[in-house]
């Protein structure tokens, strides 16, 4: 069975606007009907763009994932540098 590639791409501002409307009291069903976006997609956006924590120290799950990815990359770089230092220390 072949799947049609009819998926739409929405920009970040649109997604954040829909999430803000949800947080201001509009139901997901109403948002889905008004903007033609599936309820599942809206729930995913709510999860992605709703901050974790309170105040200035809050992060969205998307921002947290980016930080974790960067942290992993930096750890890998440190391991590479440690191995290089061990090689040069032997000489």
N, C-alpha and C. Protein backbone atom coordinates (compact mmCIF):
# COMPACT_ATOMS: atom_id res chain seq x y z
N UNK A 1 0.85 -1.18 0.00
CA UNK A 1 0.00 0.00 0.00
C UNK A 1 0.88 1.23 0.00
N UNK A 2 0.66 2.11 -0.91
CA UNK A 2 1.48 3.32 -1.04
C UNK A 2 0.84 4.46 -0.27
N UNK A 3 1.69 5.21 0.40
CA UNK A 3 1.21 6.32 1.22
C UNK A 3 1.40 7.64 0.47
N UNK A 4 0.35 8.43 0.40
CA UNK A 4 0.45 9.74 -0.22
C UNK A 4 1.27 10.66 0.66
N UNK A 5 2.14 11.42 0.08
CA UNK A 5 2.94 12.37 0.85
C UNK A 5 2.23 13.72 0.84
N UNK A 6 1.15 13.79 1.61
CA UNK A 6 0.36 15.01 1.66
C UNK A 6 0.56 15.74 2.97
N UNK A 7 1.60 15.35 3.70
CA UNK A 7 1.83 16.01 4.99
C UNK A 7 2.21 17.47 4.78
N UNK A 8 1.70 18.30 5.67
CA UNK A 8 1.95 19.73 5.58
C UNK A 8 3.09 20.09 6.52
N UNK A 9 3.81 21.10 6.16
CA UNK A 9 4.88 21.63 7.01
C UNK A 9 4.40 22.95 7.60
N UNK A 10 4.49 23.05 8.90
CA UNK A 10 4.07 24.27 9.59
C UNK A 10 5.30 24.92 10.20
N UNK A 11 5.38 26.24 10.14
CA UNK A 11 6.54 26.92 10.72
C UNK A 11 6.39 27.02 12.24
N UNK A 12 7.50 27.31 12.89
CA UNK A 12 7.55 27.36 14.36
C UNK A 12 6.56 28.37 14.92
N UNK A 13 6.44 29.53 14.28
CA UNK A 13 5.53 30.57 14.78
C UNK A 13 4.08 30.09 14.79
N UNK A 14 3.68 29.40 13.73
CA UNK A 14 2.32 28.88 13.66
C UNK A 14 2.08 27.87 14.78
N UNK A 15 3.04 26.97 14.96
CA UNK A 15 2.91 25.95 16.01
C UNK A 15 2.79 26.61 17.39
N UNK A 16 3.65 27.59 17.66
CA UNK A 16 3.63 28.27 18.95
C UNK A 16 2.33 29.04 19.15
N UNK A 17 1.80 29.61 18.08
CA UNK A 17 0.54 30.33 18.16
C UNK A 17 -0.59 29.38 18.55
N UNK A 18 -0.62 28.21 17.92
CA UNK A 18 -1.66 27.22 18.23
C UNK A 18 -1.54 26.78 19.69
N UNK A 19 -0.31 26.55 20.14
CA UNK A 19 -0.09 26.14 21.54
C UNK A 19 -0.52 27.25 22.49
N UNK A 20 -0.19 28.50 22.15
CA UNK A 20 -0.61 29.63 22.98
C UNK A 20 -2.14 29.72 23.06
N UNK A 21 -2.80 29.49 21.94
CA UNK A 21 -4.27 29.50 21.94
C UNK A 21 -4.81 28.39 22.83
N UNK A 22 -4.17 27.23 22.80
CA UNK A 22 -4.58 26.13 23.67
C UNK A 22 -4.43 26.54 25.15
N UNK A 23 -3.30 27.15 25.48
CA UNK A 23 -3.05 27.55 26.86
C UNK A 23 -3.99 28.69 27.31
N UNK A 24 -4.51 29.43 26.35
CA UNK A 24 -5.43 30.51 26.71
C UNK A 24 -6.88 30.02 26.84
N UNK A 25 -7.10 28.72 26.63
CA UNK A 25 -8.42 28.16 26.90
C UNK A 25 -9.14 27.55 25.72
N UNK A 26 -8.60 27.64 24.53
CA UNK A 26 -9.25 27.04 23.36
C UNK A 26 -8.99 25.54 23.37
N UNK A 27 -10.02 24.75 23.13
CA UNK A 27 -9.85 23.29 23.17
C UNK A 27 -9.09 22.80 21.94
N UNK A 28 -8.49 21.63 22.08
CA UNK A 28 -7.74 21.04 20.97
C UNK A 28 -8.69 20.74 19.82
N UNK A 29 -9.89 20.30 20.13
CA UNK A 29 -10.87 20.00 19.08
C UNK A 29 -11.21 21.25 18.28
N UNK A 30 -11.41 22.37 18.96
CA UNK A 30 -11.71 23.63 18.27
C UNK A 30 -10.53 24.06 17.40
N UNK A 31 -9.32 23.96 17.94
CA UNK A 31 -8.12 24.34 17.17
C UNK A 31 -7.97 23.46 15.95
N UNK A 32 -8.23 22.17 16.12
CA UNK A 32 -8.13 21.23 15.01
C UNK A 32 -9.11 21.58 13.90
N UNK A 33 -10.33 21.87 14.28
CA UNK A 33 -11.35 22.23 13.28
C UNK A 33 -11.03 23.56 12.60
N UNK A 34 -10.58 24.53 13.37
CA UNK A 34 -10.33 25.87 12.83
C UNK A 34 -9.12 25.91 11.90
N UNK A 35 -8.04 25.21 12.26
CA UNK A 35 -6.80 25.32 11.49
C UNK A 35 -6.53 24.12 10.59
N UNK A 36 -7.37 23.10 10.64
CA UNK A 36 -7.20 21.95 9.77
C UNK A 36 -5.99 21.11 10.12
N UNK A 37 -5.66 21.06 11.40
CA UNK A 37 -4.53 20.27 11.88
C UNK A 37 -5.10 19.16 12.76
N UNK A 38 -4.55 17.95 12.64
CA UNK A 38 -5.10 16.86 13.44
C UNK A 38 -4.87 17.10 14.93
N UNK A 39 -5.77 16.55 15.73
CA UNK A 39 -5.65 16.70 17.18
C UNK A 39 -4.36 16.09 17.70
N UNK A 40 -3.96 14.96 17.13
CA UNK A 40 -2.71 14.30 17.54
C UNK A 40 -1.52 15.23 17.32
N UNK A 41 -1.51 15.91 16.19
CA UNK A 41 -0.43 16.84 15.88
C UNK A 41 -0.41 17.99 16.88
N UNK A 42 -1.57 18.52 17.21
CA UNK A 42 -1.65 19.63 18.17
C UNK A 42 -1.16 19.17 19.54
N UNK A 43 -1.55 17.97 19.95
CA UNK A 43 -1.06 17.45 21.24
C UNK A 43 0.46 17.32 21.23
N UNK A 44 1.01 16.91 20.10
CA UNK A 44 2.48 16.81 19.99
C UNK A 44 3.12 18.19 20.12
N UNK A 45 2.54 19.19 19.47
CA UNK A 45 3.06 20.56 19.58
C UNK A 45 2.97 21.06 21.01
N UNK A 46 1.87 20.75 21.68
CA UNK A 46 1.72 21.17 23.07
C UNK A 46 2.83 20.56 23.91
N UNK A 47 3.11 19.30 23.68
CA UNK A 47 4.19 18.63 24.41
C UNK A 47 5.54 19.27 24.09
N UNK A 48 5.77 19.58 22.83
CA UNK A 48 7.06 20.13 22.40
C UNK A 48 7.29 21.57 22.86
N UNK A 49 6.23 22.37 22.92
CA UNK A 49 6.39 23.80 23.17
C UNK A 49 5.93 24.28 24.55
N UNK A 50 5.48 23.36 25.38
CA UNK A 50 5.09 23.76 26.73
C UNK A 50 6.31 23.67 27.64
N UNK A 51 6.67 24.78 28.28
CA UNK A 51 7.88 24.79 29.11
C UNK A 51 7.79 23.83 30.28
N UNK A 52 8.95 23.26 30.62
CA UNK A 52 9.10 22.42 31.79
C UNK A 52 9.73 23.29 32.86
N UNK A 53 9.13 23.34 34.04
CA UNK A 53 9.66 24.17 35.10
C UNK A 53 8.89 25.47 35.18
N UNK A 54 9.38 26.36 36.05
CA UNK A 54 8.69 27.63 36.23
C UNK A 54 9.69 28.77 36.15
N UNK A 55 9.20 29.93 35.84
CA UNK A 55 10.03 31.13 35.84
C UNK A 55 11.00 31.16 34.68
N UNK A 56 12.14 31.82 34.92
CA UNK A 56 13.14 32.01 33.87
C UNK A 56 13.89 30.73 33.53
N UNK A 57 13.87 29.76 34.40
CA UNK A 57 14.65 28.54 34.20
C UNK A 57 13.88 27.44 33.49
N UNK A 58 12.77 27.77 32.86
CA UNK A 58 11.96 26.76 32.19
C UNK A 58 12.49 26.49 30.78
N UNK A 59 12.40 25.23 30.37
CA UNK A 59 12.82 24.79 29.05
C UNK A 59 11.70 23.99 28.43
N UNK A 60 11.62 24.02 27.11
CA UNK A 60 10.68 23.14 26.43
C UNK A 60 11.38 21.80 26.23
N UNK A 61 10.61 20.73 26.05
CA UNK A 61 11.24 19.43 25.79
C UNK A 61 12.17 19.47 24.57
N UNK A 62 11.83 20.28 23.60
CA UNK A 62 12.67 20.41 22.39
C UNK A 62 14.02 21.04 22.74
N UNK A 63 14.00 22.09 23.57
CA UNK A 63 15.24 22.74 24.00
C UNK A 63 16.07 21.80 24.87
N UNK A 64 15.40 21.04 25.74
CA UNK A 64 16.09 20.09 26.60
C UNK A 64 16.77 19.01 25.76
N UNK A 65 16.11 18.52 24.74
CA UNK A 65 16.69 17.51 23.85
C UNK A 65 17.92 18.06 23.13
N UNK A 66 17.85 19.32 22.70
CA UNK A 66 18.99 19.94 22.03
C UNK A 66 20.18 20.07 22.98
N UNK A 67 19.91 20.42 24.22
CA UNK A 67 20.98 20.53 25.22
C UNK A 67 21.59 19.16 25.49
N UNK A 68 20.77 18.13 25.60
CA UNK A 68 21.28 16.78 25.84
C UNK A 68 22.12 16.30 24.66
N UNK A 69 21.71 16.63 23.45
CA UNK A 69 22.47 16.24 22.26
C UNK A 69 23.84 16.93 22.25
N UNK A 70 23.85 18.22 22.57
CA UNK A 70 25.10 18.98 22.64
C UNK A 70 26.00 18.43 23.75
N UNK A 71 25.41 18.07 24.87
CA UNK A 71 26.17 17.51 25.98
C UNK A 71 26.84 16.20 25.57
N UNK A 72 26.12 15.35 24.88
CA UNK A 72 26.68 14.09 24.40
C UNK A 72 27.84 14.35 23.44
N UNK A 73 27.67 15.30 22.53
CA UNK A 73 28.73 15.62 21.57
C UNK A 73 29.98 16.11 22.29
N UNK A 74 29.79 16.95 23.31
CA UNK A 74 30.94 17.46 24.06
C UNK A 74 31.64 16.36 24.84
N UNK A 75 30.88 15.43 25.40
CA UNK A 75 31.48 14.29 26.11
C UNK A 75 32.32 13.45 25.15
N UNK A 76 31.81 13.24 23.94
CA UNK A 76 32.55 12.47 22.95
C UNK A 76 33.84 13.19 22.56
N UNK A 77 33.78 14.51 22.42
CA UNK A 77 34.98 15.27 22.10
C UNK A 77 36.01 15.17 23.21
N UNK A 78 35.56 15.22 24.46
CA UNK A 78 36.47 15.10 25.60
C UNK A 78 37.17 13.74 25.59
N UNK A 79 36.42 12.69 25.29
CA UNK A 79 37.01 11.35 25.24
C UNK A 79 38.08 11.27 24.15
N UNK A 80 37.81 11.86 23.02
CA UNK A 80 38.78 11.88 21.91
C UNK A 80 40.04 12.62 22.34
N UNK A 81 39.87 13.76 22.99
CA UNK A 81 41.02 14.54 23.45
C UNK A 81 41.82 13.79 24.51
N UNK A 82 41.14 13.07 25.39
CA UNK A 82 41.85 12.28 26.40
C UNK A 82 42.70 11.20 25.73
N UNK A 83 42.15 10.55 24.73
CA UNK A 83 42.90 9.51 24.01
C UNK A 83 44.09 10.12 23.28
N UNK A 84 43.89 11.30 22.69
CA UNK A 84 44.99 11.97 21.99
C UNK A 84 46.09 12.36 22.99
N UNK A 85 45.70 12.84 24.16
CA UNK A 85 46.69 13.22 25.20
C UNK A 85 47.48 11.99 25.62
N UNK A 86 46.85 10.85 25.77
CA UNK A 86 47.54 9.63 26.18
C UNK A 86 48.56 9.21 25.11
N UNK A 87 48.18 9.36 23.86
CA UNK A 87 49.10 9.01 22.76
C UNK A 87 50.31 9.93 22.76
N UNK A 88 50.08 11.24 22.92
CA UNK A 88 51.19 12.19 22.91
C UNK A 88 52.03 12.10 24.18
N UNK A 89 51.46 11.69 25.28
CA UNK A 89 52.21 11.56 26.53
C UNK A 89 53.19 10.41 26.45
N UNK A 90 52.94 9.40 25.65
CA UNK A 90 53.83 8.25 25.49
C UNK A 90 55.09 8.62 24.69
N UNK A 91 54.99 9.63 23.87
CA UNK A 91 56.11 10.00 23.00
C UNK A 91 57.16 10.80 23.72
